[in-house]
Every structure is written in structure tokens, then in C-alpha cells.
């Protein structure tokens, strides 16, 4: 089951659209621009980002802070941890 969940997450990240990111930003009360959403998509599509790997997550959230700002990156980091706990997925992520 965990490999299936991981494949779904990888697929979703590689296939995100600008409108989806903008929708998530609105849903979770983030303020990002269209250009920032495009840069986030570019990052996901052009790196070997593994959201289940602690080092890759750290690098991503640092990069997110460069794309947007540190406040947005911190808020996204907190939301990420909230969601994996809410859906009982902590066992998939290395600490």
C-alpha cells in the first residue's frame, strides 16, 4: 500500500498545473503569484525531488523560500506536517 501511495504522490507532483497550485494557495490561505506557481511547477518537473526524503524536503522548502518568501515557505512546511499527520501518513516520511 505504501508504494502505491508514494507513486500517486510522485505522479501528482510531476503533473501539477499552475491553476491547481493557485487553487491550493487560495484554499490554504497562501499568497503566491502566477509566476511563483510556475516556478514551483518547474522545480517539481525538473528535479528528482523525493518528498519522502528529509534532505529533499529541506532543499525544497529552502527553494520555496527563494521563490516566494520565508514566511510562505514556513507556512507551507507547517501545512505539510499537519496534512501528513491528519491523514496518518507519517510512517511514509523519514525524519
Protein backbone atom coordinates (compact mmCIF):
# COMPACT_ATOMS: atom_id res chain seq x y z
CA UNK A 1 0.00 0.00 0.00
CA UNK A 2 2.76 2.47 0.86
CA UNK A 3 4.44 2.08 -2.55
CA UNK A 4 1.12 2.84 -4.24
CA UNK A 5 0.66 5.99 -2.15
CA UNK A 6 4.19 7.09 -2.96
CA UNK A 7 3.64 6.56 -6.69
CA UNK A 8 0.45 8.63 -6.51
CA UNK A 9 2.28 11.47 -4.75
CA UNK A 10 5.16 11.43 -7.27
CA UNK A 11 2.69 11.44 -10.15
CA UNK A 12 0.70 14.32 -8.67
CA UNK A 13 3.80 16.46 -8.10
CA UNK A 14 5.10 15.89 -11.63
CA UNK A 15 1.70 16.73 -13.15
CA UNK A 16 0.59 19.74 -11.12
CA UNK A 17 -0.75 22.69 -13.04
CA UNK A 18 -0.50 26.38 -12.31
CA UNK A 19 -4.23 26.60 -11.72
CA UNK A 20 -4.08 23.72 -9.23
CA UNK A 21 -1.31 25.41 -7.25
CA UNK A 22 -3.20 28.70 -7.32
CA UNK A 23 -6.31 26.86 -6.12
CA UNK A 24 -4.42 25.20 -3.27
CA UNK A 25 -2.92 28.57 -2.35
CA UNK A 26 -6.38 30.06 -2.10
CA UNK A 27 -7.77 27.05 -0.22
CA UNK A 28 -4.99 27.12 2.37
CA UNK A 29 -4.69 30.92 2.55
CA UNK A 30 -1.32 31.37 0.84
CA UNK A 31 -0.42 34.39 -1.18
CA UNK A 32 1.53 33.43 -4.31
CA UNK A 33 1.70 34.83 -7.81
CA UNK A 34 1.20 33.05 -11.11
CA UNK A 35 4.96 33.31 -11.76
CA UNK A 36 5.76 31.73 -8.37
CA UNK A 37 3.35 28.88 -9.11
CA UNK A 38 5.09 28.34 -12.46
CA UNK A 39 8.50 28.25 -10.75
CA UNK A 40 7.23 25.67 -8.25
CA UNK A 41 5.95 23.51 -11.09
CA UNK A 42 9.28 23.88 -12.89
CA UNK A 43 11.07 22.70 -9.73
CA UNK A 44 8.90 19.59 -9.40
CA UNK A 45 9.20 18.67 -13.07
CA UNK A 46 12.93 19.29 -13.41
CA UNK A 47 14.36 17.80 -10.24
CA UNK A 48 14.35 14.35 -8.72
CA UNK A 49 12.50 15.70 -5.69
CA UNK A 50 11.53 12.94 -3.27
CA UNK A 51 9.01 14.35 -0.78
CA UNK A 52 9.53 11.27 1.42
CA UNK A 53 13.22 12.07 1.91
CA UNK A 54 14.07 14.54 4.70
CA UNK A 55 17.01 16.11 2.84
CA UNK A 56 14.97 16.62 -0.35
CA UNK A 57 12.16 18.24 1.65
CA UNK A 58 14.63 20.58 3.37
CA UNK A 59 16.08 21.61 -0.01
CA UNK A 60 12.60 22.10 -1.45
CA UNK A 61 11.38 24.31 1.38
CA UNK A 62 14.59 26.38 1.14
CA UNK A 63 13.98 26.76 -2.59
CA UNK A 64 10.33 27.62 -1.92
CA UNK A 65 11.55 30.41 0.36
CA UNK A 66 13.66 31.74 -2.53
CA UNK A 67 10.76 31.50 -4.99
CA UNK A 68 8.21 33.10 -2.66
CA UNK A 69 9.38 34.32 0.75
CA UNK A 70 10.41 32.73 4.04
CA UNK A 71 7.01 33.29 5.62
CA UNK A 72 5.24 31.40 2.83
CA UNK A 73 7.81 28.59 2.95
CA UNK A 74 7.38 28.28 6.72
CA UNK A 75 3.60 28.21 6.40
CA UNK A 76 3.85 25.54 3.67
CA UNK A 77 6.18 23.50 5.88
CA UNK A 78 3.72 23.62 8.76
CA UNK A 79 0.81 22.74 6.46
CA UNK A 80 2.79 19.79 5.05
CA UNK A 81 3.34 18.35 8.53
CA UNK A 82 -0.26 18.99 9.51
CA UNK A 83 -1.57 17.14 6.46
CA UNK A 84 0.65 14.07 6.83
CA UNK A 85 -0.39 13.80 10.48
CA UNK A 86 -4.05 14.41 9.68
CA UNK A 87 -4.08 11.60 7.11
CA UNK A 88 -1.91 9.29 9.26
CA UNK A 89 0.91 9.16 6.71
CA UNK A 90 3.85 9.94 8.99
CA UNK A 91 5.16 6.39 8.58
CA UNK A 92 5.96 7.19 4.92
CA UNK A 93 8.26 10.11 5.69
CA UNK A 94 11.73 9.77 7.16
CA UNK A 95 12.57 12.20 9.91
